[in-house]
Protein backbone atom coordinates (compact mmCIF):
# COMPACT_ATOMS: atom_id res chain seq x y z
CA UNK A 1 16.93 -24.27 -23.83
CA UNK A 2 15.23 -22.19 -26.47
CA UNK A 3 12.61 -20.73 -24.11
CA UNK A 4 15.13 -19.27 -21.67
CA UNK A 5 17.18 -17.73 -24.47
CA UNK A 6 14.00 -16.26 -25.92
CA UNK A 7 12.95 -14.70 -22.63
CA UNK A 8 16.40 -13.35 -21.76
CA UNK A 9 16.63 -11.74 -25.17
CA UNK A 10 13.17 -10.21 -24.79
CA UNK A 11 14.00 -8.74 -21.39
CA UNK A 12 17.40 -7.40 -22.44
CA UNK A 13 15.85 -5.64 -25.41
CA UNK A 14 13.50 -3.83 -23.04
CA UNK A 15 15.86 -2.91 -20.22
CA UNK A 16 15.68 0.65 -18.88
CA UNK A 17 18.76 1.81 -17.02
CA UNK A 18 17.02 4.88 -15.59
CA UNK A 19 14.42 2.70 -13.90
CA UNK A 20 16.97 0.14 -12.73
CA UNK A 21 18.61 2.34 -10.08
CA UNK A 22 15.47 3.28 -8.09
CA UNK A 23 14.08 -0.25 -8.46
CA UNK A 24 17.24 -1.70 -6.94
CA UNK A 25 17.21 0.95 -4.21
CA UNK A 26 13.61 0.03 -3.28
CA UNK A 27 14.83 -3.52 -2.69
CA UNK A 28 17.66 -2.25 -0.46
CA UNK A 29 20.11 -2.94 -3.30
CA UNK A 30 19.88 -6.65 -2.66
CA UNK A 31 19.79 -7.34 -6.40
CA UNK A 32 20.54 -5.56 -9.69
CA UNK A 33 17.58 -4.77 -11.95
CA UNK A 34 17.06 -4.43 -15.67
CA UNK A 35 14.64 -1.59 -14.99
CA UNK A 36 11.52 -3.27 -16.37
CA UNK A 37 8.57 -2.19 -14.25
CA UNK A 38 5.74 -4.57 -13.44
CA UNK A 39 3.21 -3.49 -16.13
CA UNK A 40 5.84 -3.70 -18.86
CA UNK A 41 7.14 -7.02 -17.52
CA UNK A 42 3.65 -8.51 -17.58
CA UNK A 43 3.22 -7.50 -21.21
CA UNK A 44 6.55 -9.07 -22.08
CA UNK A 45 5.58 -12.28 -20.28
CA UNK A 46 2.32 -12.46 -22.23
CA UNK A 47 4.28 -12.04 -25.44
CA UNK A 48 6.69 -14.77 -24.33
CA UNK A 49 3.84 -17.15 -23.52
CA UNK A 50 2.18 -16.53 -26.86
CA UNK A 51 5.36 -16.96 -28.87
CA UNK A 52 6.74 -19.96 -26.97
CA UNK A 53 3.51 -21.85 -26.23
CA UNK A 54 5.18 -22.99 -23.02
CA UNK A 55 1.99 -22.82 -20.93
CA UNK A 56 0.55 -25.68 -23.01
CA UNK A 57 3.50 -27.90 -22.09
CA UNK A 58 4.29 -29.80 -18.86
CA UNK A 59 5.78 -27.74 -16.04
CA UNK A 60 9.34 -26.74 -16.93
CA UNK A 61 11.51 -26.91 -13.81
CA UNK A 62 14.62 -26.27 -15.89
CA UNK A 63 13.19 -22.94 -17.05
CA UNK A 64 12.50 -21.87 -13.47
CA UNK A 65 16.01 -22.80 -12.31
CA UNK A 66 17.61 -21.07 -15.29
CA UNK A 67 15.66 -17.89 -14.55
CA UNK A 68 16.63 -18.09 -10.89
CA UNK A 69 20.30 -18.21 -11.84
CA UNK A 70 20.11 -14.94 -13.78
CA UNK A 71 21.59 -11.90 -12.09
CA UNK A 72 18.82 -9.33 -12.55
CA UNK A 73 15.77 -9.56 -10.32
CA UNK A 74 13.21 -9.38 -13.12
CA UNK A 75 14.16 -12.92 -14.12
CA UNK A 76 13.13 -14.25 -10.72
CA UNK A 77 9.86 -12.34 -11.11
CA UNK A 78 9.42 -14.00 -14.50
CA UNK A 79 9.89 -17.40 -12.85
CA UNK A 80 7.26 -16.51 -10.25
CA UNK A 81 4.87 -15.46 -12.99
CA UNK A 82 5.39 -18.75 -14.80
CA UNK A 83 4.94 -20.74 -11.57
CA UNK A 84 1.77 -18.80 -10.79
CA UNK A 85 0.32 -19.75 -14.17
CA UNK A 86 1.28 -23.39 -13.63
CA UNK A 87 -0.26 -24.02 -10.19
CA UNK A 88 -2.57 -26.79 -11.45
CA UNK A 89 0.47 -28.68 -12.72
CA UNK A 90 2.32 -28.65 -9.40
CA UNK A 91 2.45 -31.58 -7.00
CA UNK A 92 4.33 -32.86 -3.98
CA UNK A 93 7.32 -33.61 -6.18
CA UNK A 94 7.77 -29.87 -6.73
CA UNK A 95 8.15 -28.93 -3.08
CA UNK A 96 11.95 -29.46 -3.04
CA UNK A 97 12.19 -27.03 -5.97
CA UNK A 98 10.15 -24.45 -4.08
CA UNK A 99 12.32 -24.93 -0.98
CA UNK A 100 15.38 -24.30 -3.12
CA UNK A 101 13.84 -21.11 -4.52
CA UNK A 102 12.86 -19.89 -1.05
CA UNK A 103 16.40 -20.38 0.22
CA UNK A 104 18.18 -18.97 -2.85
CA UNK A 105 18.37 -15.23 -3.69
CA UNK A 106 16.00 -14.84 -0.75
CA UNK A 107 14.12 -11.66 -0.03
CA UNK A 108 10.51 -10.91 0.88
CA UNK A 109 9.47 -10.18 -2.71
CA UNK A 110 10.06 -13.76 -3.87
CA UNK A 111 9.56 -15.68 -0.62
CA UNK A 112 6.10 -14.24 0.07
CA UNK A 113 4.84 -15.10 -3.41
CA UNK A 114 6.24 -18.63 -3.20
CA UNK A 115 4.71 -19.20 0.23
CA UNK A 116 1.22 -17.93 -0.58
CA UNK A 117 0.75 -19.43 -4.00
CA UNK A 118 2.67 -22.58 -5.00
CA UNK A 119 3.44 -23.78 -1.46
CA UNK A 120 -0.05 -22.92 -0.26
CA UNK A 121 -1.61 -24.63 -3.26
CA UNK A 122 0.41 -27.82 -2.85
CA UNK A 123 -0.23 -27.99 0.91
CA UNK A 124 -3.97 -27.59 0.40
CA UNK A 125 -4.06 -30.34 -2.21
CA UNK A 126 -1.60 -32.63 -0.43
CA UNK A 127 -1.91 -31.85 3.31
CA UNK A 128 0.53 -34.62 4.18
CA UNK A 129 3.36 -32.30 3.14
CA UNK A 130 2.62 -30.09 6.14
CA UNK A 131 3.90 -32.51 8.82
CA UNK A 132 6.42 -33.98 6.41
CA UNK A 133 8.03 -30.72 5.30
CA UNK A 134 6.46 -27.42 6.33
CA UNK A 135 6.55 -28.12 10.07
CA UNK A 136 10.29 -28.63 9.65
CA UNK A 137 10.53 -25.25 7.97
CA UNK A 138 8.72 -23.59 10.86
CA UNK A 139 10.88 -25.17 13.55
CA UNK A 140 14.14 -25.04 11.60
CA UNK A 141 16.76 -22.31 11.66
CA UNK A 142 16.36 -20.82 8.17
CA UNK A 143 14.74 -17.38 8.33
CA UNK A 144 12.99 -17.52 4.97
CA UNK A 145 11.65 -21.04 5.43
CA UNK A 146 10.31 -19.92 8.80
CA UNK A 147 8.57 -16.99 7.14
CA UNK A 148 7.18 -19.25 4.41
CA UNK A 149 5.74 -21.59 7.04
CA UNK A 150 4.03 -18.67 8.79
CA UNK A 151 2.54 -17.42 5.52
CA UNK A 152 1.63 -20.50 3.49
CA UNK A 153 -1.97 -20.45 4.81
CA UNK A 154 -2.40 -16.75 4.10
CA UNK A 155 -5.12 -17.29 1.48
CA UNK A 156 -6.84 -20.24 3.18
CA UNK A 157 -9.59 -18.24 4.95
CA UNK A 158 -12.03 -20.74 6.52
CA UNK A 159 -9.75 -23.61 5.53
CA UNK A 160 -6.99 -22.30 7.80
CA UNK A 161 -5.64 -24.81 10.29
CA UNK A 162 -5.93 -22.45 13.23
CA UNK A 163 -4.13 -24.70 15.69
CA UNK A 164 -1.17 -25.05 13.35
CA UNK A 165 -1.05 -21.32 12.64
CA UNK A 166 -1.08 -20.43 16.31
CA UNK A 167 1.50 -23.12 17.12
CA UNK A 168 3.91 -21.64 14.58
CA UNK A 169 3.26 -18.11 15.83
CA UNK A 170 3.80 -18.99 19.48
CA UNK A 171 7.02 -20.79 18.60
CA UNK A 172 8.36 -17.59 17.03
CA UNK A 173 6.72 -15.11 19.40
CA UNK A 174 10.03 -14.14 21.01
CA UNK A 175 11.80 -13.59 17.71
CA UNK A 176 13.63 -10.28 17.30
CA UNK A 177 13.74 -10.72 13.53
CA UNK A 178 11.76 -8.06 11.68
CA UNK A 179 10.69 -10.40 8.86
CA UNK A 180 9.31 -12.93 11.36
CA UNK A 181 7.50 -10.33 13.46
CA UNK A 182 6.01 -8.87 10.29
CA UNK A 183 4.94 -12.30 9.02
CA UNK A 184 3.21 -13.07 12.33
CA UNK A 185 1.28 -9.82 12.11
CA UNK A 186 0.36 -10.36 8.48
CA UNK A 187 -0.86 -13.91 9.13
CA UNK A 188 -2.97 -12.76 12.06
CA UNK A 189 -4.38 -9.79 10.16
CA UNK A 190 -5.38 -11.96 7.22
CA UNK A 191 -6.96 -14.64 9.42
CA UNK A 192 -8.83 -11.97 11.38
CA UNK A 193 -10.87 -11.32 8.23
CA UNK A 194 -12.24 -14.86 8.63
CA UNK A 195 -12.29 -15.31 12.41
CA UNK A 196 -11.84 -11.95 14.16
CA UNK A 197 -12.83 -13.18 17.61
CA UNK A 198 -10.30 -15.99 17.54
CA UNK A 199 -7.50 -13.60 16.57
CA UNK A 200 -8.64 -11.06 19.15
CA UNK A 201 -8.51 -13.72 21.88
CA UNK A 202 -5.16 -15.05 20.68
CA UNK A 203 -3.55 -11.62 20.76
CA UNK A 204 -5.01 -10.91 24.20
CA UNK A 205 -3.78 -14.19 25.68
CA UNK A 206 -0.27 -14.39 24.24
CA UNK A 207 2.92 -12.36 24.51
CA UNK A 208 3.63 -11.17 20.99
CA UNK A 209 5.99 -8.56 19.54
CA UNK A 210 4.51 -5.08 19.38
CA UNK A 211 4.95 -5.01 15.62
CA UNK A 212 3.04 -8.28 15.26
CA UNK A 213 0.22 -7.04 17.49
CA UNK A 214 -0.04 -3.75 15.61
CA UNK A 215 -0.15 -5.49 12.24
CA UNK A 216 -2.44 -8.27 13.41
CA UNK A 217 -4.96 -5.94 15.05
CA UNK A 218 -5.63 -3.66 12.06
CA UNK A 219 -9.07 -5.14 11.29
CA UNK A 220 -10.22 -6.00 14.79
């Protein structure tokens, strides 16, 4: 695929080994980095889009998968950038791809973006995927799918399905997992901007992890 070769070449030409070490350390050394910081990466992506014209074409799943297979983390960020610019092209058919991305090379930096943006967008446009797929994520045994289910409504504001959000949170309220406790708190904090009284009452009437309560109570 010409586009993937073009992007890999562009990134390799701009790698910075001095930056790579602290960038990897910030991510707990989960992944190696090329050392391309976000502002520089965004400029390179704009150049790639201009030169390739790929944003005028149908959504390229093969490009996303090829980027996800690359070793350095910036390639997964490039895939997220491309997905974020292609949200209007996504449909129910793309949910299996997103599930694969959530469960592959998983860490909060990719999972949170996937949950909020492409998954959230698809679920808002095609709400039937919630009972068909996302409920299974929430009640399944995969940590990152659980987190994605807790966070997919993060940007919904008044369109939030409160009952569903609270059902997912109560199901995971006894979790000892940091990333789940943090997601609960984040979801509550974000929803409190829309319905503070509801969140206040929910926190008061349910046994939640201290971390979740602290995070969820920041604005109320």
